[in-house]
Amino acid sequence: MTLTQKETTLLSDLKSQEQICIEKYTQYSQMAHDPALKNLFTTLAQNERKHLDTLTQILGGTEVTMPAQAPSAVQAKLECKMSSCNEVEKKNDAYLCKDALSMEKHVSSVYNTGVFEFTSPVLRDTLAHIQKEEQNHGEQLYNYLACNNMYC
């Protein structure tokens, strides 16, 4: 499989974004006060690692095929359990969560550009699949914020 220069540049940009996501989620997991949020950040970091691995494979010349079934929003549902943290801790957790949600919105838009720029239908499908997973990450973060009355 041969990538165009534009595709290679887009993949490199996406890899950088995924690396930032992994770093942030790892740090945010350590900084969060609510155990449920710590767990969410840890899970999201693991998911972003899979995305990074996929992008690395593609840059290495492998045409990666994702599962035929698109990730479901149902999988993104988070059991609504109110945080028992104090107000200062909740404010900190809300900041981390809102920053992460902003990051997911940006990453999803970068994947959207890639979907339109790639010539391979397989790679377009792969990027669209990852983009849907990024959107589900955003939904999980939103659900946490909404459950804890932190989204406004």
Protein backbone atom coordinates (compact mmCIF):
# COMPACT_ATOMS: atom_id res chain seq x y z
CA MET A 1 0.00 0.00 0.00
CA THR A 2 1.37 3.38 -0.98
CA LEU A 3 0.25 6.53 0.80
CA THR A 4 0.22 9.97 -0.77
CA GLN A 5 2.25 12.72 0.85
CA LYS A 6 -0.97 14.31 2.09
CA GLU A 7 -2.13 11.02 3.63
CA THR A 8 1.23 10.54 5.32
CA THR A 9 1.09 14.06 6.74
CA LEU A 10 -2.47 13.55 8.01
CA LEU A 11 -1.51 10.26 9.66
CA SER A 12 1.48 11.92 11.33
CA ASP A 13 -0.80 14.66 12.63
CA LEU A 14 -3.26 12.07 13.91
CA LYS A 15 -0.47 10.16 15.63
CA SER A 16 0.60 13.36 17.41
CA GLN A 17 -2.98 13.97 18.51
CA GLU A 18 -3.32 10.42 19.83
CA GLN A 19 -0.04 10.72 21.74
CA ILE A 20 -1.32 13.92 23.38
CA CYS A 21 -4.58 12.16 24.26
CA ILE A 22 -2.69 9.28 25.88
CA GLU A 23 -0.48 11.66 27.87
CA LYS A 24 -3.41 13.80 29.02
CA TYR A 25 -5.61 10.87 29.99
CA THR A 26 -2.74 9.26 31.89
CA GLN A 27 -2.03 12.49 33.78
CA TYR A 28 -5.71 13.24 34.29
CA SER A 29 -6.27 9.79 35.75
CA GLN A 30 -3.67 10.62 38.39
CA MET A 31 -5.09 14.11 39.00
CA ALA A 32 -8.79 13.22 39.19
CA HIS A 33 -10.37 12.87 42.62
CA ASP A 34 -13.43 10.77 41.78
CA PRO A 35 -12.51 7.08 41.39
CA ALA A 36 -15.09 6.69 38.59
CA LEU A 37 -13.44 9.51 36.64
CA LYS A 38 -9.98 8.07 37.29
CA ASN A 39 -11.22 4.79 35.83
CA LEU A 40 -12.79 6.54 32.83
CA PHE A 41 -9.57 8.40 32.05
CA THR A 42 -7.56 5.17 32.34
CA THR A 43 -9.93 3.35 29.97
CA LEU A 44 -9.83 6.21 27.46
CA ALA A 45 -6.01 6.24 27.54
CA GLN A 46 -6.04 2.52 26.69
CA ASN A 47 -8.43 3.14 23.80
CA GLU A 48 -6.25 5.96 22.48
CA ARG A 49 -3.24 3.61 22.63
CA LYS A 50 -5.09 1.24 20.29
CA HIS A 51 -5.74 4.13 17.91
CA LEU A 52 -2.07 5.08 17.99
CA ASP A 53 -1.08 1.47 17.25
CA THR A 54 -3.48 1.38 14.28
CA LEU A 55 -2.08 4.61 12.86
CA THR A 56 1.47 3.30 13.28
CA GLN A 57 0.54 0.15 11.34
CA ILE A 58 -0.96 2.21 8.53
CA LEU A 59 2.10 4.43 8.33
CA GLY A 60 4.15 1.23 8.17
CA GLY A 61 2.30 0.19 5.02
CA THR A 62 -0.42 -2.07 6.44
CA GLU A 63 -3.97 -1.50 5.24
CA VAL A 64 -5.76 -2.00 8.58
CA THR A 65 -9.35 -3.19 8.49
CA MET A 66 -11.60 -2.41 11.45
CA PRO A 67 -14.58 -4.54 12.56
CA ALA A 68 -17.52 -4.26 10.19
CA GLN A 69 -19.83 -3.12 12.96
CA ALA A 70 -19.43 0.52 13.90
CA PRO A 71 -18.88 1.27 17.59
CA SER A 72 -22.22 1.78 19.25
CA ALA A 73 -23.18 4.75 21.37
CA VAL A 74 -24.81 2.22 23.72
CA GLN A 75 -21.31 1.02 24.63
CA ALA A 76 -20.48 4.57 25.67
CA LYS A 77 -23.13 4.67 28.40
CA LEU A 78 -21.79 5.36 31.86
CA GLU A 79 -23.69 4.37 34.96
CA CYS A 80 -24.71 7.62 36.56
CA LYS A 81 -23.20 7.62 40.01
CA MET A 82 -22.81 10.99 41.67
CA SER A 83 -19.33 11.89 42.80
CA SER A 84 -18.88 12.04 46.55
CA CYS A 85 -16.01 14.53 46.25
CA ASN A 86 -16.09 17.92 47.94
CA GLU A 87 -16.77 21.09 45.91
CA VAL A 88 -13.10 21.94 45.31
CA GLU A 89 -12.38 18.40 44.10
CA LYS A 90 -15.49 18.45 41.89
CA LYS A 91 -14.36 21.75 40.37
CA ASN A 92 -10.97 20.21 39.56
CA ASP A 93 -12.57 17.10 38.08
CA ALA A 94 -14.97 19.21 36.01
CA TYR A 95 -12.05 21.17 34.57
CA LEU A 96 -10.20 17.96 33.61
CA CYS A 97 -13.33 16.48 32.07
CA LYS A 98 -14.21 19.63 30.08
CA ASP A 99 -10.65 19.90 28.79
CA ALA A 100 -10.74 16.25 27.74
CA LEU A 101 -14.10 16.77 26.01
CA SER A 102 -12.64 19.73 24.09
CA MET A 103 -9.69 17.57 23.08
CA GLU A 104 -12.01 14.80 21.82
CA LYS A 105 -13.98 17.30 19.73
CA HIS A 106 -10.75 18.47 18.09
CA VAL A 107 -9.42 14.96 17.46
CA SER A 108 -12.74 13.88 15.96
CA SER A 109 -12.60 16.82 13.53
CA VAL A 110 -9.05 15.86 12.45
CA TYR A 111 -10.26 12.32 11.73
CA ASN A 112 -13.16 13.78 9.76
CA THR A 113 -10.68 15.57 7.49
CA GLY A 114 -8.78 12.32 7.01
CA VAL A 115 -11.93 10.46 6.01
CA PHE A 116 -12.38 12.89 3.12
CA GLU A 117 -8.72 12.95 2.06
CA PHE A 118 -7.80 9.26 1.85
CA THR A 119 -7.98 7.45 -1.48
CA SER A 120 -8.31 3.91 -0.04
CA PRO A 121 -11.90 2.95 0.86
CA VAL A 122 -10.52 0.56 3.51
CA LEU A 123 -8.51 3.32 5.18
CA ARG A 124 -11.43 5.76 4.98
CA ASP A 125 -13.57 3.16 6.76
CA THR A 126 -10.80 2.62 9.35
CA LEU A 127 -10.52 6.36 10.05
CA ALA A 128 -14.32 6.70 10.19
CA HIS A 129 -14.43 3.82 12.69
CA ILE A 130 -11.82 5.50 14.91
CA GLN A 131 -13.64 8.82 14.57
CA LYS A 132 -16.83 7.17 15.84
CA GLU A 133 -14.88 5.81 18.81
CA GLU A 134 -13.60 9.35 19.50
CA GLN A 135 -17.18 10.59 19.41
CA ASN A 136 -18.12 7.87 21.90
CA HIS A 137 -15.26 9.03 24.16
CA GLY A 138 -16.80 12.50 24.03
CA GLU A 139 -20.18 11.06 24.92
CA GLN A 140 -18.73 9.24 27.93
CA LEU A 141 -17.13 12.47 29.15
CA TYR A 142 -20.36 14.40 28.58
CA ASN A 143 -22.34 11.73 30.46
CA TYR A 144 -19.99 12.02 33.44
CA LEU A 145 -20.32 15.82 33.43
CA ALA A 146 -24.10 15.72 33.06
CA CYS A 147 -24.51 13.08 35.77
CA ASN A 148 -22.56 15.27 38.19
CA ASN A 149 -24.26 18.54 37.20
CA MET A 150 -20.96 19.84 35.81
CA TYR A 151 -22.01 20.53 32.21
CA CYS A 152 -23.22 24.01 31.40
